[in-house]
Amino acid sequence: MNKRLKFILISGLLSLGLLTTQFIDISWRYWAILTLTPLTFGFCVWGLVEDLKGVEWLTLFILPIYYTVSVALFYFLLPEKIITRIFILSLFGIGMYALLLTQNIFSIAAIRTIQLLRAAHAVAFLLTLVTTFFLFDTLLSFRLSPWFNALLAWVIAFPLVLAGLWNITLANKIDQETWGYSLVLAWIFSQLAFWISFWPLSVAGASLFLVTAMYVGLGIFQHHFSGRLFQKTISEYAWVGVVVLIITFLTAGWG
């Protein structure tokens, strides 16, 4: 069985698994989602095992696992409309297939040059933002204390940033610079999640603010790691961050 057929089959099976969680009693749904985590890992290993080596056993599976969990958790928050759920289910299946293709490109590009690498970076970056939004939206919907939001935001951000930075270098091991930048960015996100918890914002508004922070922070550091970080690039990302911050402040229900 060739890889593309494997990726289609994996995407279909995980989509069915996601759909199955909706027919389980609500008290068991989180356990069902937890079960999807090792299933996602196992299926992805089966699809990518031919080229796996070294640190790729960690870095290549972070985003697929987080993506699956994020969509499964966000699925709970959707209105009870069949068309909405079918749309998200279809989006998940397409996204997972694209993600598997992307991770396969990263695995191959680590040992030889491949033309599709830039496209793979773009897809991985987009799906990282989608995953981040779903996870932060779910986290903030629980209305936890700011301290818990900060802690869980770090848990969400650190692996995603680590995988996002490694995708640029594709090194045989994760060096100290990658670890360091990942820890710093994750700490920044945790602080933003802490302070945004005090703002009178809707869950979606606060989530979009945090996703924008991921877009700016991860985007800038990815350009740094690729050697393409220029003053113009920093200015563009900074303007996006400032504009979103102003909009977030103005749309908050302060009075």
C-alpha atoms as a PDB file:
ATOM      1  CA  MET A   1       0.000   0.000   0.000  1.00  0.00           C
ATOM      2  CA  ASN A   2       1.505   3.343  -1.037  1.00  0.00           C
ATOM      3  CA  LYS A   3       1.749   6.285   1.348  1.00  0.00           C
ATOM      4  CA  ARG A   4      -1.035   8.366  -0.177  1.00  0.00           C
ATOM      5  CA  LEU A   5      -3.496   5.505   0.189  1.00  0.00           C
ATOM      6  CA  LYS A   6      -2.329   5.034   3.779  1.00  0.00           C
ATOM      7  CA  PHE A   7      -2.868   8.738   4.502  1.00  0.00           C
ATOM      8  CA  ILE A   8      -6.391   8.632   3.045  1.00  0.00           C
ATOM      9  CA  LEU A   9      -7.210   5.551   5.121  1.00  0.00           C
ATOM     10  CA  ILE A  10      -5.769   7.097   8.299  1.00  0.00           C
ATOM     11  CA  SER A  11      -7.713  10.319   7.758  1.00  0.00           C
ATOM     12  CA  GLY A  12     -10.922   8.347   7.219  1.00  0.00           C
ATOM     13  CA  LEU A  13     -10.442   6.140  10.280  1.00  0.00           C
ATOM     14  CA  LEU A  14      -9.657   9.087  12.554  1.00  0.00           C
ATOM     15  CA  SER A  15     -12.679  10.954  11.181  1.00  0.00           C
ATOM     16  CA  LEU A  16     -14.847   7.962  12.060  1.00  0.00           C
ATOM     17  CA  GLY A  17     -13.269   7.915  15.517  1.00  0.00           C
ATOM     18  CA  LEU A  18     -14.085  11.585  15.930  1.00  0.00           C
ATOM     19  CA  LEU A  19     -17.672  10.964  14.841  1.00  0.00           C
ATOM     20  CA  THR A  20     -17.966   8.045  17.273  1.00  0.00           C
ATOM     21  CA  THR A  21     -17.178  10.300  20.241  1.00  0.00           C
ATOM     22  CA  GLN A  22     -20.433  12.167  19.577  1.00  0.00           C
ATOM     23  CA  PHE A  23     -22.531   9.053  20.163  1.00  0.00           C
ATOM     24  CA  ILE A  24     -20.940   8.262  23.515  1.00  0.00           C
ATOM     25  CA  ASP A  25     -22.539   9.390  26.751  1.00  0.00           C
ATOM     26  CA  ILE A  26     -21.263  12.859  27.643  1.00  0.00           C
ATOM     27  CA  SER A  27     -19.722  11.614  30.902  1.00  0.00           C
ATOM     28  CA  TRP A  28     -17.422   9.333  28.868  1.00  0.00           C
ATOM     29  CA  ARG A  29     -16.606  11.652  25.986  1.00  0.00           C
ATOM     30  CA  TYR A  30     -13.380  12.987  27.444  1.00  0.00           C
ATOM     31  CA  TRP A  31     -12.174   9.437  27.942  1.00  0.00           C
ATOM     32  CA  ALA A  32     -13.073   8.729  24.325  1.00  0.00           C
ATOM     33  CA  ILE A  33     -11.032  11.748  23.219  1.00  0.00           C
ATOM     34  CA  LEU A  34      -8.150  10.554  25.371  1.00  0.00           C
ATOM     35  CA  THR A  35      -8.341   7.240  23.510  1.00  0.00           C
ATOM     36  CA  LEU A  36      -7.963   9.063  20.206  1.00  0.00           C
ATOM     37  CA  THR A  37      -4.491  10.256  21.249  1.00  0.00           C
ATOM     38  CA  PRO A  38      -2.670   6.885  21.113  1.00  0.00           C
ATOM     39  CA  LEU A  39      -4.762   5.916  18.085  1.00  0.00           C
ATOM     40  CA  THR A  40      -3.581   9.028  16.248  1.00  0.00           C
ATOM     41  CA  PHE A  41       0.020   8.287  17.197  1.00  0.00           C
ATOM     42  CA  GLY A  42      -0.270   4.653  16.122  1.00  0.00           C
ATOM     43  CA  PHE A  43      -1.887   5.431  12.789  1.00  0.00           C
ATOM     44  CA  CYS A  44       0.621   8.185  12.023  1.00  0.00           C
ATOM     45  CA  VAL A  45       3.530   5.876  12.840  1.00  0.00           C
ATOM     46  CA  TRP A  46       2.077   3.305  10.467  1.00  0.00           C
ATOM     47  CA  GLY A  47       1.827   5.904   7.717  1.00  0.00           C
ATOM     48  CA  LEU A  48       5.242   7.520   8.196  1.00  0.00           C
ATOM     49  CA  VAL A  49       7.415   4.746   9.645  1.00  0.00           C
ATOM     50  CA  GLU A  50       9.423   4.148   6.448  1.00  0.00           C
ATOM     51  CA  ASP A  51      11.349   7.409   6.808  1.00  0.00           C
ATOM     52  CA  LEU A  52      11.227   7.995  10.570  1.00  0.00           C
ATOM     53  CA  LYS A  53      14.492   8.517  12.387  1.00  0.00           C
ATOM     54  CA  GLY A  54      15.842  10.077  15.562  1.00  0.00           C
ATOM     55  CA  VAL A  55      14.014  13.085  16.924  1.00  0.00           C
ATOM     56  CA  GLU A  56      11.298  12.756  14.256  1.00  0.00           C
ATOM     57  CA  TRP A  57       9.615  10.192  16.511  1.00  0.00           C
ATOM     58  CA  LEU A  58       8.739  13.189  18.684  1.00  0.00           C
ATOM     59  CA  THR A  59       8.558  16.230  16.433  1.00  0.00           C
ATOM     60  CA  LEU A  60       6.512  14.784  13.572  1.00  0.00           C
ATOM     61  CA  PHE A  61       3.663  13.605  15.796  1.00  0.00           C
ATOM     62  CA  ILE A  62       3.083  16.649  18.000  1.00  0.00           C
ATOM     63  CA  LEU A  63       0.913  18.559  15.539  1.00  0.00           C
ATOM     64  CA  PRO A  64      -1.180  15.562  14.324  1.00  0.00           C
ATOM     65  CA  ILE A  65      -1.977  14.554  17.921  1.00  0.00           C
ATOM     66  CA  TYR A  66      -2.752  18.103  19.026  1.00  0.00           C
ATOM     67  CA  TYR A  67      -4.832  18.641  15.886  1.00  0.00           C
ATOM     68  CA  THR A  68      -6.954  15.563  16.564  1.00  0.00           C
ATOM     69  CA  VAL A  69      -7.503  16.436  20.223  1.00  0.00           C
ATOM     70  CA  SER A  70      -8.270  20.084  19.442  1.00  0.00           C
ATOM     71  CA  VAL A  71     -10.952  19.273  16.866  1.00  0.00           C
ATOM     72  CA  ALA A  72     -12.466  16.599  19.121  1.00  0.00           C
ATOM     73  CA  LEU A  73     -12.717  19.053  22.034  1.00  0.00           C
ATOM     74  CA  PHE A  74     -14.036  21.858  19.841  1.00  0.00           C
ATOM     75  CA  TYR A  75     -16.647  19.430  18.475  1.00  0.00           C
ATOM     76  CA  PHE A  76     -18.360  19.530  21.887  1.00  0.00           C
ATOM     77  CA  LEU A  77     -18.886  23.281  21.661  1.00  0.00           C
ATOM     78  CA  LEU A  78     -20.692  23.227  18.329  1.00  0.00           C
ATOM     79  CA  PRO A  79     -24.466  23.682  18.053  1.00  0.00           C
ATOM     80  CA  GLU A  80     -26.494  20.513  17.595  1.00  0.00           C
ATOM     81  CA  LYS A  81     -26.805  20.959  13.842  1.00  0.00           C
ATOM     82  CA  ILE A  82     -25.938  18.123  11.501  1.00  0.00           C
ATOM     83  CA  ILE A  83     -24.652  20.392   8.752  1.00  0.00           C
ATOM     84  CA  THR A  84     -22.226  22.131  11.133  1.00  0.00           C
ATOM     85  CA  ARG A  85     -20.869  18.868  12.463  1.00  0.00           C
ATOM     86  CA  ILE A  86     -20.510  17.394   8.969  1.00  0.00           C
ATOM     87  CA  PHE A  87     -18.584  20.495   7.912  1.00  0.00           C
ATOM     88  CA  ILE A  88     -16.159  20.216  10.844  1.00  0.00           C
ATOM     89  CA  LEU A  89     -15.795  16.464  10.299  1.00  0.00           C
ATOM     90  CA  SER A  90     -14.973  17.024   6.621  1.00  0.00           C
ATOM     91  CA  LEU A  91     -12.581  19.825   7.534  1.00  0.00           C
ATOM     92  CA  PHE A  92     -10.855  17.512   9.995  1.00  0.00           C
ATOM     93  CA  GLY A  93     -10.427  14.718   7.449  1.00  0.00           C
ATOM     94  CA  ILE A  94      -9.003  17.055   4.797  1.00  0.00           C
ATOM     95  CA  GLY A  95      -6.768  18.750   7.351  1.00  0.00           C
ATOM     96  CA  MET A  96      -5.429  15.437   8.650  1.00  0.00           C
ATOM     97  CA  TYR A  97      -4.630  14.247   5.132  1.00  0.00           C
ATOM     98  CA  ALA A  98      -2.811  17.503   4.382  1.00  0.00           C
ATOM     99  CA  LEU A  99      -1.001  17.257   7.694  1.00  0.00           C
ATOM    100  CA  LEU A 100       0.212  13.718   6.997  1.00  0.00           C
ATOM    101  CA  LEU A 101       1.498  14.800   3.602  1.00  0.00           C
ATOM    102  CA  THR A 102       3.244  17.733   5.266  1.00  0.00           C
ATOM    103  CA  GLN A 103       4.916  15.605   7.933  1.00  0.00           C
ATOM    104  CA  ASN A 104       6.046  13.185   5.247  1.00  0.00           C
ATOM    105  CA  ILE A 105       7.663  16.061   3.352  1.00  0.00           C
ATOM    106  CA  PHE A 106       9.477  17.154   6.522  1.00  0.00           C
ATOM    107  CA  SER A 107      10.759  13.630   7.069  1.00  0.00           C
ATOM    108  CA  ILE A 108      12.081  13.376   3.507  1.00  0.00           C
ATOM    109  CA  ALA A 109      13.450  16.949   3.460  1.00  0.00           C
ATOM    110  CA  ALA A 110      15.557  16.171   6.517  1.00  0.00           C
ATOM    111  CA  ILE A 111      17.801  13.983   4.354  1.00  0.00           C
ATOM    112  CA  ARG A 112      17.498  15.528   0.889  1.00  0.00           C
ATOM    113  CA  THR A 113      16.249  18.669  -0.838  1.00  0.00           C
ATOM    114  CA  ILE A 114      12.594  18.670  -1.842  1.00  0.00           C
ATOM    115  CA  GLN A 115      10.741  21.390  -3.730  1.00  0.00           C
ATOM    116  CA  LEU A 116       7.513  21.130  -1.737  1.00  0.00           C
ATOM    117  CA  LEU A 117       9.161  22.130   1.541  1.00  0.00           C
ATOM    118  CA  ARG A 118       8.003  25.762   1.473  1.00  0.00           C
ATOM    119  CA  ALA A 119       4.409  24.686   0.811  1.00  0.00           C
ATOM    120  CA  ALA A 120       4.683  22.203   3.687  1.00  0.00           C
ATOM    121  CA  HIS A 121       5.836  24.986   6.011  1.00  0.00           C
ATOM    122  CA  ALA A 122       2.820  27.087   5.034  1.00  0.00           C
ATOM    123  CA  VAL A 123       0.357  24.225   5.607  1.00  0.00           C
ATOM    124  CA  ALA A 124       1.917  23.298   8.964  1.00  0.00           C
ATOM    125  CA  PHE A 125       1.837  26.935  10.088  1.00  0.00           C
ATOM    126  CA  LEU A 126      -1.839  27.288   9.120  1.00  0.00           C
ATOM    127  CA  LEU A 127      -2.842  24.061  10.876  1.00  0.00           C
ATOM    128  CA  THR A 128      -0.854  25.106  13.948  1.00  0.00           C
ATOM    129  CA  LEU A 129      -2.959  28.280  14.126  1.00  0.00           C
ATOM    130  CA  VAL A 130      -6.196  26.322  13.638  1.00  0.00           C
ATOM    131  CA  THR A 131      -5.177  23.864  16.346  1.00  0.00           C
ATOM    132  CA  THR A 132      -4.202  26.696  18.676  1.00  0.00           C
ATOM    133  CA  PHE A 133      -7.553  28.418  18.213  1.00  0.00           C
ATOM    134  CA  PHE A 134      -9.547  25.246  18.906  1.00  0.00           C
ATOM    135  CA  LEU A 135      -7.510  24.452  22.031  1.00  0.00           C
ATOM    136  CA  PHE A 136      -7.582  27.982  23.455  1.00  0.00           C
ATOM    137  CA  ASP A 137     -11.296  28.290  22.686  1.00  0.00           C
ATOM    138  CA  THR A 138     -11.950  25.059  24.567  1.00  0.00           C
ATOM    139  CA  LEU A 139      -9.694  26.078  27.455  1.00  0.00           C
ATOM    140  CA  LEU A 140     -11.322  29.485  27.925  1.00  0.00           C
ATOM    141  CA  SER A 141     -14.826  28.040  27.660  1.00  0.00           C
ATOM    142  CA  PHE A 142     -14.224  26.190  30.940  1.00  0.00           C
ATOM    143  CA  ARG A 143     -13.954  29.568  32.717  1.00  0.00           C
ATOM    144  CA  LEU A 144     -11.073  28.391  34.876  1.00  0.00           C
ATOM    145  CA  SER A 145      -9.038  30.659  37.119  1.00  0.00           C
ATOM    146  CA  PRO A 146      -6.354  32.791  35.426  1.00  0.00           C
ATOM    147  CA  TRP A 147      -3.648  30.676  37.037  1.00  0.00           C
ATOM    148  CA  PHE A 148      -5.000  27.462  35.491  1.00  0.00           C
ATOM    149  CA  ASN A 149      -5.412  29.228  32.153  1.00  0.00           C
ATOM    150  CA  ALA A 150      -1.762  30.276  32.276  1.00  0.00           C
ATOM    151  CA  LEU A 151      -0.563  26.764  33.124  1.00  0.00           C
ATOM    152  CA  LEU A 152      -2.649  25.034  30.471  1.00  0.00           C
ATOM    153  CA  ALA A 153      -1.772  27.688  27.884  1.00  0.00           C
ATOM    154  CA  TRP A 154       1.882  26.776  28.440  1.00  0.00           C
ATOM    155  CA  VAL A 155       1.037  23.078  27.972  1.00  0.00           C
ATOM    156  CA  ILE A 156      -0.734  23.941  24.723  1.00  0.00           C
ATOM    157  CA  ALA A 157       1.863  26.329  23.333  1.00  0.00           C
ATOM    158  CA  PHE A 158       5.198  24.702  24.188  1.00  0.00           C
ATOM    159  CA  PRO A 159       4.939  21.494  22.095  1.00  0.00           C
ATOM    160  CA  LEU A 160       3.359  23.351  19.161  1.00  0.00           C
ATOM    161  CA  VAL A 161       6.091  25.982  19.146  1.00  0.00           C
ATOM    162  CA  LEU A 162       8.786  23.319  19.533  1.00  0.00           C
ATOM    163  CA  ALA A 163       7.456  21.407  16.523  1.00  0.00           C
ATOM    164  CA  GLY A 164       6.988  24.634  14.558  1.00  0.00           C
ATOM    165  CA  LEU A 165      10.602  25.716  15.065  1.00  0.00           C
ATOM    166  CA  TRP A 166      12.029  22.258  14.394  1.00  0.00           C
ATOM    167  CA  ASN A 167      10.116  22.142  11.110  1.00  0.00           C
ATOM    168  CA  ILE A 168      12.315  24.988   9.901  1.00  0.00           C
ATOM    169  CA  THR A 169      15.674  23.469  10.831  1.00  0.00           C
ATOM    170  CA  LEU A 170      14.823  19.761  10.332  1.00  0.00           C
ATOM    171  CA  ALA A 171      17.918  18.974  12.410  1.00  0.00           C
ATOM    172  CA  ASN A 172      18.835  15.492  13.617  1.00  0.00           C
ATOM    173  CA  LYS A 173      18.353  16.669  17.184  1.00  0.00           C
ATOM    174  CA  ILE A 174      16.677  19.576  18.948  1.00  0.00           C
ATOM    175  CA  ASP A 175      19.416  22.053  19.810  1.00  0.00           C
ATOM    176  CA  GLN A 176      19.568  24.406  22.796  1.00  0.00           C
ATOM    177  CA  GLU A 177      18.426  27.400  20.753  1.00  0.00           C
ATOM    178  CA  THR A 178      15.230  25.626  19.711  1.00  0.00           C
ATOM    179  CA  TRP A 179      14.534  24.513  23.283  1.00  0.00           C
ATOM    180  CA  GLY A 180      15.238  28.002  24.577  1.00  0.00           C
ATOM    181  CA  TYR A 181      13.040  29.889  22.117  1.00  0.00           C
ATOM    182  CA  SER A 182      10.242  27.354  22.615  1.00  0.00           C
ATOM    183  CA  LEU A 183      10.341  27.828  26.389  1.00  0.00           C
ATOM    184  CA  VAL A 184      10.380  31.622  26.072  1.00  0.00           C
ATOM    185  CA  LEU A 185       7.474  31.739  23.621  1.00  0.00           C
ATOM    186  CA  ALA A 186       5.432  29.290  25.675  1.00  0.00           C
ATOM    187  CA  TRP A 187       6.029  31.428  28.774  1.00  0.00           C
ATOM    188  CA  ILE A 188       4.862  34.532  26.877  1.00  0.00           C
ATOM    189  CA  PHE A 189       1.673  32.756  25.811  1.00  0.00           C
ATOM    190  CA  SER A 190       1.029  31.632  29.370  1.00  0.00           C
ATOM    191  CA  GLN A 191       1.358  35.221  30.581  1.00  0.00           C
ATOM    192  CA  LEU A 192      -0.952  36.491  27.854  1.00  0.00           C
ATOM    193  CA  ALA A 193      -3.511  33.825  28.760  1.00  0.00           C
ATOM    194  CA  PHE A 194      -3.236  34.862  32.418  1.00  0.00           C
ATOM    195  CA  TRP A 195      -3.853  38.556  31.776  1.00  0.00           C
ATOM    196  CA  ILE A 196      -6.481  38.121  29.068  1.00  0.00           C
ATOM    197  CA  SER A 197      -8.487  36.077  31.587  1.00  0.00           C
ATOM    198  CA  PHE A 198      -9.197  39.318  33.470  1.00  0.00           C
ATOM    199  CA  TRP A 199     -10.508  41.133  30.404  1.00  0.00           C
ATOM    200  CA  PRO A 200     -14.281  41.234  29.794  1.00  0.00           C
ATOM    201  CA  LEU A 201     -14.042  39.375  26.487  1.00  0.00           C
ATOM    202  CA  SER A 202     -16.035  36.650  24.824  1.00  0.00           C
ATOM    203  CA  VAL A 203     -14.377  33.243  24.585  1.00  0.00           C
ATOM    204  CA  ALA A 204     -13.974  33.630  20.822  1.00  0.00           C
ATOM    205  CA  GLY A 205     -12.496  37.123  21.184  1.00  0.00           C
ATOM    206  CA  ALA A 206      -9.920  36.039  23.747  1.00  0.00           C
ATOM    207  CA  SER A 207      -9.058  32.967  21.658  1.00  0.00           C
ATOM    208  CA  LEU A 208      -8.493  35.064  18.547  1.00  0.00           C
ATOM    209  CA  PHE A 209      -6.206  37.343  20.530  1.00  0.00           C
ATOM    210  CA  LEU A 210      -4.105  34.391  21.687  1.00  0.00           C
ATOM    211  CA  VAL A 211      -4.032  32.894  18.194  1.00  0.00           C
ATOM    212  CA  THR A 212      -2.781  36.221  16.873  1.00  0.00           C
ATOM    213  CA  ALA A 213      -0.015  36.077  19.478  1.00  0.00           C
ATOM    214  CA  MET A 214       0.899  32.627  18.154  1.00  0.00           C
ATOM    215  CA  TYR A 215       0.860  33.959  14.588  1.00  0.00           C
ATOM    216  CA  VAL A 216       3.175  36.844  15.483  1.00  0.00           C
ATOM    217  CA  GLY A 217       5.511  34.991  17.853  1.00  0.00           C
ATOM    218  CA  LEU A 218       5.932  31.759  15.926  1.00  0.00           C
ATOM    219  CA  GLY A 219       6.032  33.584  12.599  1.00  0.00           C
ATOM    220  CA  ILE A 220       8.864  35.883  13.666  1.00  0.00           C
ATOM    221  CA  PHE A 221      10.954  33.082  15.151  1.00  0.00           C
ATOM    222  CA  GLN A 222      10.419  30.843  12.135  1.00  0.00           C
ATOM    223  CA  HIS A 223      11.770  33.626   9.926  1.00  0.00           C
ATOM    224  CA  HIS A 224      14.696  33.972  12.337  1.00  0.00           C
ATOM    225  CA  PHE A 225      15.485  30.254  12.153  1.00  0.00           C
ATOM    226  CA  SER A 226      15.294  30.288   8.353  1.00  0.00           C
ATOM    227  CA  GLY A 227      17.639  33.302   8.133  1.00  0.00           C
ATOM    228  CA  ARG A 228      14.965  35.512   6.543  1.00  0.00           C
ATOM    229  CA  LEU A 229      14.126  37.831   9.433  1.00  0.00           C
ATOM    230  CA  PHE A 230      14.353  41.404   8.214  1.00  0.00           C
ATOM    231  CA  GLN A 231      13.170  44.727   9.593  1.00  0.00           C
ATOM    232  CA  LYS A 232      10.245  44.786   7.173  1.00  0.00           C
ATOM    233  CA  THR A 233       9.151  41.327   8.305  1.00  0.00           C
ATOM    234  CA  ILE A 234       9.230  42.345  11.967  1.00  0.00           C
ATOM    235  CA  SER A 235       7.241  45.495  11.170  1.00  0.00           C
ATOM    236  CA  GLU A 236       4.549  43.533   9.331  1.00  0.00           C
ATOM    237  CA  TYR A 237       4.074  41.091  12.186  1.00  0.00           C
ATOM    238  CA  ALA A 238       4.204  43.903  14.749  1.00  0.00           C
ATOM    239  CA  TRP A 239       1.472  45.847  12.940  1.00  0.00           C
ATOM    240  CA  VAL A 240      -0.780  42.790  12.920  1.00  0.00           C
ATOM    241  CA  GLY A 241      -0.238  42.350  16.658  1.00  0.00           C
ATOM    242  CA  VAL A 242      -0.878  46.014  17.450  1.00  0.00           C
ATOM    243  CA  VAL A 243      -4.038  46.200  15.325  1.00  0.00           C
ATOM    244  CA  VAL A 244      -5.496  43.050  16.888  1.00  0.00           C
ATOM    245  CA  LEU A 245      -4.598  44.294  20.379  1.00  0.00           C
ATOM    246  CA  ILE A 246      -6.406  47.594  19.742  1.00  0.00           C
ATOM    247  CA  ILE A 247      -9.463  45.842  18.296  1.00  0.00           C
ATOM    248  CA  THR A 248      -9.525  43.424  21.235  1.00  0.00           C
ATOM    249  CA  PHE A 249      -9.319  46.292  23.719  1.00  0.00           C
ATOM    250  CA  LEU A 250     -12.069  48.291  21.989  1.00  0.00           C
ATOM    251  CA  THR A 251     -14.455  45.337  21.678  1.00  0.00           C
ATOM    252  CA  ALA A 252     -14.107  44.288  25.316  1.00  0.00           C
ATOM    253  CA  GLY A 253     -17.164  44.969  27.469  1.00  0.00           C
ATOM    254  CA  TRP A 254     -15.467  47.348  29.857  1.00  0.00           C
ATOM    255  CA  GLY A 255     -18.594  49.212  30.903  1.00  0.00           C
END
